N, C-alpha and C. Protein backbone atom coordinates (compact mmCIF):
# COMPACT_ATOMS: atom_id res chain seq x y z
N MET A 1 96.93 93.75 105.00
CA MET A 1 96.90 95.09 105.56
C MET A 1 97.40 96.07 104.50
N ALA A 2 96.56 97.00 104.12
CA ALA A 2 96.92 98.00 103.11
C ALA A 2 97.65 99.16 103.78
N ILE A 3 98.89 99.35 103.40
CA ILE A 3 99.71 100.41 103.97
C ILE A 3 99.85 101.50 102.92
N THR A 4 99.49 102.71 103.30
CA THR A 4 99.64 103.84 102.40
C THR A 4 100.29 104.99 103.18
N GLU A 5 100.94 105.85 102.44
CA GLU A 5 101.60 107.00 103.07
C GLU A 5 101.67 108.13 102.05
N TYR A 6 101.37 109.33 102.50
CA TYR A 6 101.54 110.52 101.66
C TYR A 6 102.92 111.10 101.91
N VAL A 7 103.58 111.53 100.83
CA VAL A 7 104.91 112.12 100.93
C VAL A 7 104.93 113.42 100.14
N GLU A 8 105.75 114.35 100.60
CA GLU A 8 105.95 115.62 99.91
C GLU A 8 107.22 115.52 99.07
N LEU A 9 107.11 115.86 97.79
CA LEU A 9 108.25 115.82 96.88
C LEU A 9 108.32 117.14 96.12
N ASP A 10 109.45 117.41 95.51
CA ASP A 10 109.64 118.66 94.76
C ASP A 10 109.64 118.40 93.27
N ARG A 11 108.95 119.28 92.55
CA ARG A 11 108.97 119.24 91.08
C ARG A 11 110.12 120.09 90.59
N ALA A 12 110.48 119.92 89.34
CA ALA A 12 111.58 120.68 88.73
C ALA A 12 111.32 122.18 88.76
N ASP A 13 110.05 122.59 88.73
CA ASP A 13 109.72 124.02 88.74
C ASP A 13 109.74 124.62 90.15
N GLY A 14 110.14 123.81 91.15
CA GLY A 14 110.23 124.31 92.52
C GLY A 14 108.98 124.11 93.35
N GLU A 15 107.90 123.69 92.73
CA GLU A 15 106.67 123.44 93.47
C GLU A 15 106.77 122.15 94.27
N THR A 16 106.13 122.13 95.43
CA THR A 16 106.04 120.91 96.22
C THR A 16 104.74 120.21 95.87
N VAL A 17 104.82 118.89 95.70
CA VAL A 17 103.64 118.10 95.37
C VAL A 17 103.47 117.00 96.41
N THR A 18 102.25 116.56 96.57
CA THR A 18 101.96 115.44 97.46
C THR A 18 101.76 114.20 96.60
N ALA A 19 102.52 113.17 96.93
CA ALA A 19 102.41 111.89 96.23
C ALA A 19 101.95 110.84 97.22
N LEU A 20 101.46 109.74 96.70
CA LEU A 20 100.96 108.65 97.52
C LEU A 20 101.79 107.40 97.29
N ILE A 21 102.26 106.79 98.38
CA ILE A 21 102.86 105.46 98.31
C ILE A 21 101.75 104.50 98.74
N CYS A 22 101.45 103.53 97.88
CA CYS A 22 100.33 102.63 98.12
C CYS A 22 100.66 101.23 97.60
N PRO A 23 99.87 100.23 98.00
CA PRO A 23 100.08 98.90 97.43
C PRO A 23 99.98 98.94 95.90
N MET A 24 100.83 98.20 95.25
CA MET A 24 100.87 98.19 93.79
C MET A 24 99.56 97.67 93.22
N GLN A 25 99.07 98.39 92.20
CA GLN A 25 97.83 98.05 91.51
C GLN A 25 98.12 97.78 90.03
N GLN A 26 97.12 97.29 89.32
CA GLN A 26 97.27 96.99 87.90
C GLN A 26 97.70 98.21 87.09
N GLN A 27 97.17 99.39 87.41
CA GLN A 27 97.52 100.59 86.65
C GLN A 27 99.01 100.91 86.75
N HIS A 28 99.61 100.61 87.88
CA HIS A 28 101.05 100.85 88.03
C HIS A 28 101.84 99.95 87.08
N LEU A 29 101.37 98.72 86.91
CA LEU A 29 102.03 97.80 85.97
C LEU A 29 101.85 98.27 84.53
N VAL A 30 100.66 98.77 84.23
CA VAL A 30 100.40 99.31 82.89
C VAL A 30 101.33 100.49 82.61
N ASP A 31 101.48 101.38 83.59
CA ASP A 31 102.40 102.52 83.41
C ASP A 31 103.82 102.04 83.15
N PHE A 32 104.27 101.04 83.92
CA PHE A 32 105.63 100.54 83.71
C PHE A 32 105.77 99.96 82.30
N ASP A 33 104.86 99.07 81.92
CA ASP A 33 104.98 98.40 80.63
C ASP A 33 104.81 99.34 79.44
N SER A 34 103.88 100.28 79.54
CA SER A 34 103.58 101.11 78.37
C SER A 34 104.38 102.42 78.31
N ILE A 35 104.82 102.92 79.46
CA ILE A 35 105.53 104.21 79.45
C ILE A 35 107.00 104.04 79.85
N TRP A 36 107.24 103.46 81.02
CA TRP A 36 108.61 103.34 81.52
C TRP A 36 109.48 102.45 80.65
N LYS A 37 108.99 101.23 80.41
CA LYS A 37 109.82 100.20 79.77
C LYS A 37 110.37 100.63 78.41
N PRO A 38 109.55 101.21 77.51
CA PRO A 38 110.13 101.65 76.23
C PRO A 38 111.23 102.70 76.42
N MET A 39 111.04 103.61 77.39
CA MET A 39 112.06 104.63 77.66
C MET A 39 113.33 103.98 78.21
N LEU A 40 113.16 103.06 79.16
CA LEU A 40 114.31 102.39 79.76
C LEU A 40 115.07 101.56 78.73
N GLU A 41 114.34 100.88 77.86
CA GLU A 41 115.00 100.08 76.82
C GLU A 41 115.78 100.97 75.87
N ALA A 42 115.20 102.10 75.49
CA ALA A 42 115.88 103.03 74.59
C ALA A 42 117.14 103.62 75.23
N LEU A 43 117.13 103.76 76.54
CA LEU A 43 118.27 104.34 77.27
C LEU A 43 119.19 103.27 77.85
N ASP A 44 118.95 102.00 77.51
CA ASP A 44 119.71 100.88 78.08
C ASP A 44 119.68 100.90 79.61
N GLY A 45 118.51 101.18 80.16
CA GLY A 45 118.35 101.20 81.62
C GLY A 45 118.59 99.83 82.21
N GLU A 46 119.34 99.79 83.31
CA GLU A 46 119.70 98.52 83.94
C GLU A 46 118.49 97.74 84.44
N ASP A 47 117.39 98.44 84.70
CA ASP A 47 116.21 97.78 85.26
C ASP A 47 115.07 97.61 84.25
N ALA A 48 115.35 97.79 82.98
CA ALA A 48 114.31 97.66 81.96
C ALA A 48 113.73 96.25 81.90
N PHE A 49 114.52 95.27 82.31
CA PHE A 49 114.09 93.87 82.22
C PHE A 49 113.25 93.42 83.42
N TRP A 50 113.15 94.24 84.47
CA TRP A 50 112.43 93.80 85.67
C TRP A 50 110.98 93.48 85.35
N ASP A 51 110.51 92.38 85.89
CA ASP A 51 109.15 91.90 85.66
C ASP A 51 108.29 92.29 86.87
N TRP A 52 107.73 93.49 86.82
CA TRP A 52 106.95 93.99 87.95
C TRP A 52 105.64 93.24 88.11
N ALA A 53 105.09 92.68 87.04
CA ALA A 53 103.85 91.89 87.17
C ALA A 53 104.12 90.65 88.03
N ARG A 54 105.25 90.01 87.82
CA ARG A 54 105.63 88.85 88.64
C ARG A 54 105.84 89.26 90.10
N LYS A 55 106.48 90.40 90.30
CA LYS A 55 106.73 90.89 91.66
C LYS A 55 105.41 91.17 92.38
N LYS A 56 104.47 91.79 91.67
CA LYS A 56 103.16 92.07 92.27
C LYS A 56 102.43 90.75 92.59
N ARG A 57 102.49 89.81 91.66
CA ARG A 57 101.85 88.51 91.86
C ARG A 57 102.41 87.81 93.11
N LEU A 58 103.73 87.83 93.27
CA LEU A 58 104.34 87.22 94.45
C LEU A 58 103.90 87.94 95.73
N ALA A 59 103.77 89.25 95.67
CA ALA A 59 103.33 90.01 96.85
C ALA A 59 101.89 89.65 97.23
N LEU A 60 101.09 89.26 96.26
CA LEU A 60 99.71 88.88 96.54
C LEU A 60 99.58 87.44 97.04
N THR A 61 100.56 86.59 96.73
CA THR A 61 100.43 85.17 97.05
C THR A 61 101.40 84.67 98.12
N ASP A 62 102.37 85.50 98.51
CA ASP A 62 103.38 85.07 99.48
C ASP A 62 103.59 86.20 100.49
N ASP A 63 103.25 85.92 101.79
CA ASP A 63 103.30 87.02 102.77
C ASP A 63 104.66 87.62 103.03
N ARG A 64 105.71 87.02 102.55
CA ARG A 64 107.02 87.64 102.81
C ARG A 64 107.35 88.75 101.82
N TYR A 65 106.53 88.92 100.79
CA TYR A 65 106.77 89.98 99.80
C TYR A 65 105.72 91.07 99.90
N GLU A 66 106.14 92.29 99.64
CA GLU A 66 105.24 93.44 99.57
C GLU A 66 105.63 94.25 98.34
N ALA A 67 104.63 94.77 97.63
CA ALA A 67 104.87 95.57 96.42
C ALA A 67 104.12 96.89 96.53
N TYR A 68 104.82 97.98 96.27
CA TYR A 68 104.25 99.32 96.41
C TYR A 68 104.55 100.16 95.17
N ALA A 69 103.78 101.23 95.04
CA ALA A 69 104.02 102.21 93.99
C ALA A 69 103.91 103.60 94.59
N LEU A 70 104.63 104.52 94.02
CA LEU A 70 104.51 105.93 94.37
C LEU A 70 103.84 106.60 93.18
N GLU A 71 102.70 107.23 93.43
CA GLU A 71 101.96 107.85 92.33
C GLU A 71 101.66 109.31 92.63
N HIS A 72 101.56 110.07 91.56
CA HIS A 72 101.17 111.48 91.62
C HIS A 72 100.45 111.81 90.32
N ASP A 73 99.34 112.51 90.42
CA ASP A 73 98.56 112.89 89.23
C ASP A 73 98.25 111.69 88.34
N ASP A 74 97.81 110.58 88.96
CA ASP A 74 97.42 109.37 88.24
C ASP A 74 98.53 108.79 87.36
N LEU A 75 99.78 109.02 87.76
CA LEU A 75 100.91 108.48 87.03
C LEU A 75 101.88 107.84 88.03
N THR A 76 102.40 106.69 87.67
CA THR A 76 103.34 105.98 88.53
C THR A 76 104.73 106.60 88.39
N HIS A 77 105.27 107.06 89.53
CA HIS A 77 106.60 107.70 89.54
C HIS A 77 107.66 106.83 90.20
N GLY A 78 107.24 105.77 90.92
CA GLY A 78 108.21 104.90 91.57
C GLY A 78 107.59 103.55 91.90
N LEU A 79 108.43 102.52 91.96
CA LEU A 79 107.99 101.16 92.28
C LEU A 79 108.95 100.56 93.30
N LEU A 80 108.39 99.73 94.20
CA LEU A 80 109.18 99.15 95.29
C LEU A 80 108.70 97.73 95.56
N TRP A 81 109.67 96.82 95.70
CA TRP A 81 109.35 95.42 96.03
C TRP A 81 110.22 95.02 97.20
N LEU A 82 109.59 94.56 98.28
CA LEU A 82 110.29 94.22 99.52
C LEU A 82 110.13 92.75 99.86
N GLU A 83 111.16 92.20 100.50
CA GLU A 83 111.09 90.88 101.12
C GLU A 83 111.25 91.14 102.61
N THR A 84 110.31 90.65 103.42
CA THR A 84 110.24 91.08 104.82
C THR A 84 110.57 89.99 105.85
N GLN A 85 110.86 88.77 105.44
CA GLN A 85 111.00 87.73 106.45
C GLN A 85 112.27 86.89 106.36
N TRP A 86 112.86 86.71 105.24
CA TRP A 86 113.93 85.74 105.09
C TRP A 86 115.34 86.31 105.15
N HIS A 87 115.50 87.59 105.02
CA HIS A 87 116.86 88.15 104.97
C HIS A 87 117.36 88.54 106.35
N ARG A 88 118.66 88.41 106.50
CA ARG A 88 119.34 88.75 107.75
C ARG A 88 120.45 89.76 107.44
N SER A 89 120.79 90.53 108.45
CA SER A 89 121.84 91.52 108.32
C SER A 89 123.17 90.87 108.00
N GLN A 90 123.93 91.49 107.13
CA GLN A 90 125.30 91.05 106.88
C GLN A 90 126.26 91.85 107.75
N TRP A 91 125.76 92.91 108.35
CA TRP A 91 126.56 93.78 109.19
C TRP A 91 126.54 93.26 110.63
N VAL A 92 125.34 93.04 111.16
CA VAL A 92 125.16 92.48 112.50
C VAL A 92 124.51 91.12 112.29
N ARG A 93 125.33 90.11 112.20
CA ARG A 93 124.88 88.77 111.82
C ARG A 93 123.63 88.32 112.57
N SER A 94 122.77 87.72 111.84
CA SER A 94 121.54 87.05 112.29
C SER A 94 120.38 87.99 112.62
N GLU A 95 120.58 89.29 112.62
CA GLU A 95 119.47 90.21 112.88
C GLU A 95 118.58 90.30 111.64
N PRO A 96 117.26 90.23 111.80
CA PRO A 96 116.36 90.32 110.64
C PRO A 96 116.35 91.74 110.06
N LEU A 97 116.07 91.82 108.79
CA LEU A 97 115.94 93.13 108.14
C LEU A 97 114.94 93.04 106.99
N VAL A 98 114.50 94.19 106.54
CA VAL A 98 113.71 94.27 105.32
C VAL A 98 114.70 94.37 104.17
N TYR A 99 114.49 93.53 103.17
CA TYR A 99 115.37 93.52 102.01
C TYR A 99 114.65 94.19 100.84
N VAL A 100 115.28 95.21 100.29
CA VAL A 100 114.74 95.89 99.12
C VAL A 100 115.15 95.06 97.90
N ALA A 101 114.21 94.27 97.41
CA ALA A 101 114.49 93.40 96.27
C ALA A 101 114.51 94.19 94.96
N ALA A 102 113.76 95.29 94.90
CA ALA A 102 113.76 96.15 93.72
C ALA A 102 113.19 97.51 94.09
N LEU A 103 113.84 98.56 93.62
CA LEU A 103 113.38 99.94 93.81
C LEU A 103 113.67 100.67 92.52
N ALA A 104 112.68 101.36 91.98
CA ALA A 104 112.88 102.07 90.71
C ALA A 104 112.10 103.37 90.69
N SER A 105 112.75 104.40 90.16
CA SER A 105 112.09 105.67 89.88
C SER A 105 111.79 105.72 88.39
N ALA A 106 110.73 106.41 88.03
CA ALA A 106 110.40 106.57 86.62
C ALA A 106 111.58 107.23 85.90
N PRO A 107 111.80 106.90 84.65
CA PRO A 107 112.95 107.44 83.92
C PRO A 107 113.04 108.97 83.95
N TRP A 108 111.90 109.65 83.92
CA TRP A 108 111.90 111.11 83.90
C TRP A 108 112.24 111.72 85.26
N ASN A 109 112.37 110.88 86.29
CA ASN A 109 112.72 111.36 87.62
C ASN A 109 114.15 111.02 88.02
N ARG A 110 114.94 110.52 87.11
CA ARG A 110 116.31 110.09 87.42
C ARG A 110 117.32 111.15 87.01
N HIS A 111 118.16 111.53 87.96
CA HIS A 111 119.21 112.52 87.68
C HIS A 111 120.19 112.03 86.62
N LEU A 112 120.45 110.74 86.61
CA LEU A 112 121.41 110.22 85.64
C LEU A 112 120.87 110.29 84.21
N LEU A 113 119.56 110.26 84.07
CA LEU A 113 118.97 110.29 82.74
C LEU A 113 118.51 111.69 82.35
N ASP A 114 118.21 112.51 83.34
CA ASP A 114 117.71 113.85 83.06
C ASP A 114 118.25 114.80 84.13
N PRO A 115 119.06 115.80 83.75
CA PRO A 115 119.61 116.71 84.75
C PRO A 115 118.52 117.53 85.48
N GLN A 116 117.34 117.61 84.91
CA GLN A 116 116.20 118.30 85.53
C GLN A 116 115.05 117.33 85.70
N PRO A 117 115.14 116.39 86.67
CA PRO A 117 114.04 115.43 86.85
C PRO A 117 112.72 116.14 87.10
N TRP A 118 111.65 115.53 86.61
CA TRP A 118 110.32 116.10 86.78
C TRP A 118 109.99 116.21 88.26
N ILE A 119 110.19 115.10 89.01
CA ILE A 119 109.98 115.10 90.46
C ILE A 119 111.22 114.52 91.11
N THR A 120 111.76 115.22 92.09
CA THR A 120 112.94 114.73 92.79
C THR A 120 112.54 114.09 94.12
N GLY A 121 113.34 113.15 94.55
CA GLY A 121 113.13 112.53 95.86
C GLY A 121 112.31 111.26 95.84
N VAL A 122 111.95 110.75 94.66
CA VAL A 122 111.13 109.53 94.59
C VAL A 122 111.86 108.34 95.20
N GLY A 123 113.09 108.11 94.78
CA GLY A 123 113.87 107.00 95.31
C GLY A 123 114.09 107.13 96.81
N SER A 124 114.39 108.35 97.26
CA SER A 124 114.59 108.58 98.70
C SER A 124 113.32 108.31 99.48
N ALA A 125 112.18 108.73 98.95
CA ALA A 125 110.89 108.51 99.63
C ALA A 125 110.59 107.01 99.74
N LEU A 126 110.87 106.26 98.67
CA LEU A 126 110.63 104.82 98.71
C LEU A 126 111.59 104.12 99.68
N LEU A 127 112.84 104.57 99.71
CA LEU A 127 113.82 104.00 100.63
C LEU A 127 113.40 104.28 102.08
N SER A 128 112.94 105.49 102.34
CA SER A 128 112.47 105.85 103.68
C SER A 128 111.24 105.03 104.07
N PHE A 129 110.34 104.83 103.11
CA PHE A 129 109.16 104.01 103.35
C PHE A 129 109.57 102.58 103.71
N ALA A 130 110.54 102.03 102.99
CA ALA A 130 111.02 100.67 103.27
C ALA A 130 111.63 100.60 104.66
N ARG A 131 112.34 101.64 105.04
CA ARG A 131 112.94 101.65 106.37
C ARG A 131 111.86 101.73 107.45
N GLN A 132 110.81 102.48 107.16
CA GLN A 132 109.69 102.54 108.10
C GLN A 132 109.02 101.17 108.23
N ARG A 133 108.92 100.44 107.13
CA ARG A 133 108.37 99.08 107.20
C ARG A 133 109.22 98.21 108.13
N SER A 134 110.55 98.39 108.08
CA SER A 134 111.44 97.66 108.98
C SER A 134 111.13 98.01 110.44
N LEU A 135 110.90 99.28 110.70
CA LEU A 135 110.52 99.68 112.06
C LEU A 135 109.18 99.05 112.44
N ASP A 136 108.21 99.12 111.55
CA ASP A 136 106.88 98.57 111.81
C ASP A 136 106.94 97.07 112.12
N LEU A 137 107.85 96.37 111.47
CA LEU A 137 107.97 94.93 111.64
C LEU A 137 108.84 94.53 112.84
N GLY A 138 109.37 95.54 113.54
CA GLY A 138 110.18 95.27 114.73
C GLY A 138 111.65 94.99 114.43
N TYR A 139 112.12 95.37 113.24
CA TYR A 139 113.51 95.13 112.85
C TYR A 139 114.42 96.32 113.13
N GLY A 140 113.88 97.35 113.75
CA GLY A 140 114.70 98.49 114.17
C GLY A 140 115.14 99.42 113.06
N GLY A 141 114.59 99.27 111.87
CA GLY A 141 115.00 100.11 110.75
C GLY A 141 116.07 99.45 109.88
N ARG A 142 116.47 98.24 110.23
CA ARG A 142 117.49 97.54 109.43
C ARG A 142 116.94 97.29 108.02
N LEU A 143 117.78 97.58 107.05
CA LEU A 143 117.38 97.49 105.65
C LEU A 143 118.59 97.09 104.84
N GLY A 144 118.42 96.17 103.90
CA GLY A 144 119.52 95.76 103.05
C GLY A 144 119.10 95.69 101.60
N LEU A 145 120.08 95.77 100.69
CA LEU A 145 119.79 95.67 99.26
C LEU A 145 121.08 95.46 98.48
N HIS A 146 120.92 94.90 97.31
CA HIS A 146 122.00 94.82 96.33
C HIS A 146 121.70 95.89 95.28
N ALA A 147 122.70 96.69 94.94
CA ALA A 147 122.49 97.82 94.03
C ALA A 147 122.97 97.50 92.63
N LEU A 148 122.16 97.87 91.66
CA LEU A 148 122.62 97.85 90.28
C LEU A 148 123.80 98.82 90.19
N PRO A 149 124.78 98.56 89.34
CA PRO A 149 125.97 99.42 89.29
C PRO A 149 125.65 100.92 89.15
N GLY A 150 124.70 101.26 88.32
CA GLY A 150 124.37 102.67 88.13
C GLY A 150 123.69 103.31 89.32
N SER A 151 123.21 102.51 90.27
CA SER A 151 122.53 103.02 91.45
C SER A 151 123.42 103.13 92.67
N GLU A 152 124.62 102.60 92.59
CA GLU A 152 125.51 102.62 93.76
C GLU A 152 125.73 104.03 94.31
N PRO A 153 125.98 105.04 93.47
CA PRO A 153 126.17 106.39 94.03
C PRO A 153 124.93 106.91 94.77
N PHE A 154 123.74 106.52 94.32
CA PHE A 154 122.51 106.94 95.01
C PHE A 154 122.51 106.41 96.44
N TYR A 155 122.78 105.11 96.62
CA TYR A 155 122.74 104.52 97.96
C TYR A 155 123.89 105.04 98.83
N GLU A 156 125.04 105.29 98.23
CA GLU A 156 126.14 105.88 98.99
C GLU A 156 125.76 107.28 99.47
N SER A 157 125.07 108.04 98.62
CA SER A 157 124.66 109.39 99.01
C SER A 157 123.57 109.39 100.08
N ARG A 158 122.95 108.25 100.30
CA ARG A 158 121.94 108.11 101.35
C ARG A 158 122.55 107.53 102.62
N ASN A 159 123.88 107.51 102.66
CA ASN A 159 124.64 107.05 103.84
C ASN A 159 124.37 105.60 104.21
N MET A 160 124.08 104.77 103.22
CA MET A 160 123.97 103.34 103.49
C MET A 160 125.39 102.79 103.56
N LEU A 161 125.60 101.84 104.44
CA LEU A 161 126.90 101.22 104.59
C LEU A 161 127.16 100.30 103.40
N ASN A 162 128.27 100.53 102.71
CA ASN A 162 128.68 99.70 101.59
C ASN A 162 129.47 98.53 102.15
N LEU A 163 128.89 97.34 102.06
CA LEU A 163 129.55 96.15 102.59
C LEU A 163 130.30 95.38 101.51
N GLY A 164 130.47 96.00 100.36
CA GLY A 164 131.31 95.43 99.32
C GLY A 164 130.58 94.59 98.31
N TYR A 165 131.35 94.13 97.37
CA TYR A 165 130.86 93.33 96.25
C TYR A 165 130.46 91.95 96.73
N ASP A 166 129.27 91.53 96.35
CA ASP A 166 128.77 90.19 96.69
C ASP A 166 128.87 89.33 95.42
N PRO A 167 129.82 88.42 95.37
CA PRO A 167 130.00 87.62 94.15
C PRO A 167 128.80 86.74 93.82
N ASP A 168 128.01 86.36 94.83
CA ASP A 168 126.83 85.53 94.56
C ASP A 168 125.78 86.30 93.76
N GLN A 169 125.63 87.58 94.06
CA GLN A 169 124.65 88.41 93.36
C GLN A 169 125.27 89.24 92.23
N GLU A 170 126.60 89.30 92.22
CA GLU A 170 127.35 90.10 91.25
C GLU A 170 126.98 91.58 91.32
N MET A 171 126.74 92.03 92.56
CA MET A 171 126.42 93.44 92.83
C MET A 171 126.99 93.82 94.19
N VAL A 172 127.06 95.12 94.43
CA VAL A 172 127.49 95.62 95.73
C VAL A 172 126.30 95.58 96.68
N TYR A 173 126.57 95.17 97.93
CA TYR A 173 125.54 95.07 98.95
C TYR A 173 125.63 96.28 99.88
N PHE A 174 124.46 96.89 100.16
CA PHE A 174 124.36 98.04 101.05
C PHE A 174 123.40 97.70 102.19
N GLU A 175 123.63 98.36 103.32
CA GLU A 175 122.75 98.10 104.46
C GLU A 175 122.65 99.32 105.37
N TYR A 176 121.45 99.49 105.95
CA TYR A 176 121.23 100.43 107.05
C TYR A 176 121.15 99.60 108.32
N GLY A 177 121.71 100.14 109.40
CA GLY A 177 121.59 99.50 110.70
C GLY A 177 120.35 100.00 111.43
N VAL A 178 120.35 99.82 112.75
CA VAL A 178 119.22 100.22 113.58
C VAL A 178 119.06 101.74 113.52
N LEU A 179 117.83 102.16 113.40
CA LEU A 179 117.50 103.58 113.37
C LEU A 179 117.20 104.03 114.79
N ASN A 180 117.82 105.10 115.21
CA ASN A 180 117.65 105.58 116.58
C ASN A 180 116.54 106.62 116.67
N ARG A 181 115.33 106.17 116.34
CA ARG A 181 114.14 107.01 116.54
C ARG A 181 112.95 106.12 116.73
N LEU A 182 111.88 106.68 117.27
CA LEU A 182 110.69 105.90 117.53
C LEU A 182 109.88 105.68 116.27
N PRO A 183 109.17 104.57 116.16
CA PRO A 183 108.29 104.37 115.02
C PRO A 183 107.25 105.49 114.95
N ARG A 184 106.72 105.67 113.77
CA ARG A 184 105.76 106.71 113.46
C ARG A 184 104.65 106.84 114.50
N GLU A 185 104.02 105.73 114.87
CA GLU A 185 102.87 105.78 115.77
C GLU A 185 103.25 106.33 117.15
N GLU A 186 104.40 105.89 117.67
CA GLU A 186 104.82 106.33 118.99
C GLU A 186 105.30 107.77 118.98
N SER A 187 105.94 108.21 117.90
CA SER A 187 106.46 109.57 117.86
C SER A 187 105.34 110.59 117.70
N ASP A 188 104.17 110.17 117.25
CA ASP A 188 103.05 111.10 117.08
C ASP A 188 102.31 111.33 118.40
N ALA A 189 102.60 110.55 119.41
CA ALA A 189 101.89 110.65 120.69
C ALA A 189 102.27 111.90 121.45
């Protein structure tokens, strides 16, 4: 099932742009390898080592994984990899959730790397999309993730519950609980 969603984001010049969140394609991998990765390596980005080709391959061969990209003007601005079946809430034990295995904004869209990001809200849009997937799957909006150290303030600013340092993953674990709103389809009625 191909899931796509249009989102409104803001450019640095104040203009609003429409971007597309869609299943990850080969061009998104090319953008990461040829444009993002050299920038991330030069800036010692924590996610420069991520193998998005492997993530996309797993999403194509294993139904518990999904891989998405956020694109605008034929350029990849964000990438998202989800695990949808095996993870359980650490907050409300045993409840299923969507696990954000990887979420990345293009280097030029990160506040930490550029005080004037080209497009703002990419990470938030991908996080919201992941939460909507949790609603679509019947998990009530529950969402969990382990954050790279440099990303912890981002998730805290999105009001995710910080459940502390996970020694097994060597990262801090964050989670959203049940969302108190109707899924997209029902709210449009």
